Protein backbone atom coordinates (compact mmCIF):
# COMPACT_ATOMS: atom_id res chain seq x y z
CA MET A 1 84.52 134.49 93.50
CA GLN A 2 86.13 136.69 90.59
CA PHE A 3 89.46 136.24 89.43
CA THR A 4 91.40 138.92 88.11
CA SER A 5 94.78 139.76 86.45
CA ALA A 6 95.97 140.48 89.95
CA HIS A 7 95.30 137.06 91.41
CA LEU A 8 96.16 135.56 88.01
CA LEU A 9 100.00 136.94 88.53
CA LEU A 10 99.83 136.25 92.38
CA ALA A 11 98.99 132.53 91.84
CA VAL A 12 101.48 132.24 89.22
CA SER A 13 104.03 133.90 91.35
CA LEU A 14 103.87 131.00 93.66
CA VAL A 15 104.21 128.05 91.65
CA PRO A 16 108.03 127.26 91.55
CA LEU A 17 109.41 128.15 87.91
CA VAL A 18 112.78 126.44 88.40
CA VAL A 19 112.18 122.58 89.51
CA ALA A 20 115.99 121.03 90.09
CA ASP A 21 117.01 117.82 89.75
CA THR A 22 118.51 116.78 92.59
CA HIS A 23 120.13 113.44 94.19
CA TYR A 24 121.61 111.86 97.11
CA ALA A 25 124.75 109.97 95.14
CA GLY A 26 126.47 110.43 92.14
CA LEU A 27 129.47 109.27 90.38
CA CYS A 28 131.51 109.91 87.42
CA VAL A 29 131.43 107.59 84.63
CA ASN A 30 133.42 106.93 80.77
CA TYR A 31 131.39 105.34 78.23
CA GLU A 32 133.31 102.51 76.71
CA GLY A 33 131.82 100.35 74.03
CA GLY A 34 128.65 101.68 74.56
CA GLN A 35 128.71 100.78 78.55
CA SER A 36 129.00 103.20 81.21
CA VAL A 37 132.46 102.30 83.07
CA TYR A 38 133.25 104.06 86.57
CA ASN A 39 135.65 106.42 86.72
CA ASP A 40 137.46 106.21 90.70
CA ALA A 41 139.72 109.31 90.25
CA ALA A 42 137.20 111.78 88.75
CA THR A 43 134.55 110.63 91.30
CA LYS A 44 136.63 111.43 94.01
CA ALA A 45 137.75 114.94 92.75
CA ALA A 46 134.08 116.09 91.40
CA CYS A 47 132.97 115.29 94.93
CA GLY A 48 135.59 117.55 96.29
CA ASN A 49 134.68 120.17 93.78
CA TYR A 50 130.90 119.99 94.87
CA PHE A 51 132.01 120.31 98.41
CA MET A 52 133.59 123.65 97.96
CA ARG A 53 131.11 125.04 95.52
CA ASN A 54 129.23 128.33 96.91
CA LYS A 55 127.49 129.76 94.09
CA GLY A 56 124.25 131.21 95.50
CA SER A 57 121.31 130.47 97.14
CA GLU A 58 119.94 127.47 94.90
CA TRP A 59 119.65 124.34 96.61
CA TRP A 60 121.96 122.52 94.33
CA ASN A 61 124.27 125.50 94.13
CA THR A 62 125.94 124.37 97.77
CA CYS A 63 126.39 121.18 98.80
CA PRO A 64 127.91 121.32 102.59
CA ASP A 65 127.53 117.49 103.20
CA CYS A 66 129.17 116.09 100.25
CA GLY A 67 131.45 113.64 100.89
CA MET A 68 132.53 110.08 99.60
CA GLU A 69 130.95 107.00 100.44
CA ASN A 70 131.46 102.87 99.80
CA ARG A 71 128.74 100.44 98.98
CA GLY A 72 129.20 97.59 97.25
CA GLY A 73 133.03 98.11 96.65
CA ILE A 74 132.01 101.46 94.89
CA ASP A 75 133.36 104.80 95.80
CA TYR A 76 130.42 107.92 94.79
CA CYS A 77 130.07 111.05 96.14
CA TYR A 78 126.77 111.02 98.89
CA SER A 79 124.89 114.05 99.95
CA LYS A 80 122.53 112.87 103.21
CA ALA A 81 120.68 116.43 102.25
CA GLY A 82 120.02 115.75 98.78
CA HIS A 83 122.04 118.50 97.25
CA ILE A 84 123.46 116.86 94.28
CA GLY A 85 122.65 118.76 90.95
CA GLY A 86 122.68 116.26 88.19
CA ASP A 87 123.85 119.20 85.37
CA GLU A 88 126.62 120.20 88.03
CA LEU A 89 128.13 116.94 88.87
CA ASN A 90 128.43 116.15 85.36
CA TYR A 91 130.10 119.47 84.76
CA TYR A 92 132.45 118.52 87.47
CA CYS A 93 133.04 114.91 86.27
CA LYS A 94 133.78 116.18 82.67
CA TYR A 95 136.07 118.99 84.45
CA ASN A 96 138.39 116.16 86.16
CA GLY A 97 138.59 114.20 82.76
CA ALA A 98 135.31 111.78 82.50
CA HIS A 99 132.63 111.34 80.02
CA GLY A 100 129.39 112.09 82.01
CA SER A 101 127.76 111.09 85.69
CA ALA A 102 125.31 108.87 86.64
CA ALA A 103 123.66 110.32 89.92
CA ASP A 104 120.69 108.54 92.00
């Protein structure tokens, strides 16, 4: 079989150009003395913001199942379907007064 530029164009179009870094859980942190310190208020606010997000059709642009869960005494934002985008969570954490975020 001979490959033409049309074959190459078709093959390239089938490869996703954006690979999202999505997560099932995340929380907001402040940085103090080189350590990440959990920010409860920012985590709750950021999770609420993400739940209300509707920015498009990409997986991370909505989080219809975002909600708070508690494990080990720490509240964190959780998405059973893994809708939490790392960049988006970080944005909402900073918007709500945290220095950054941590996601898994």
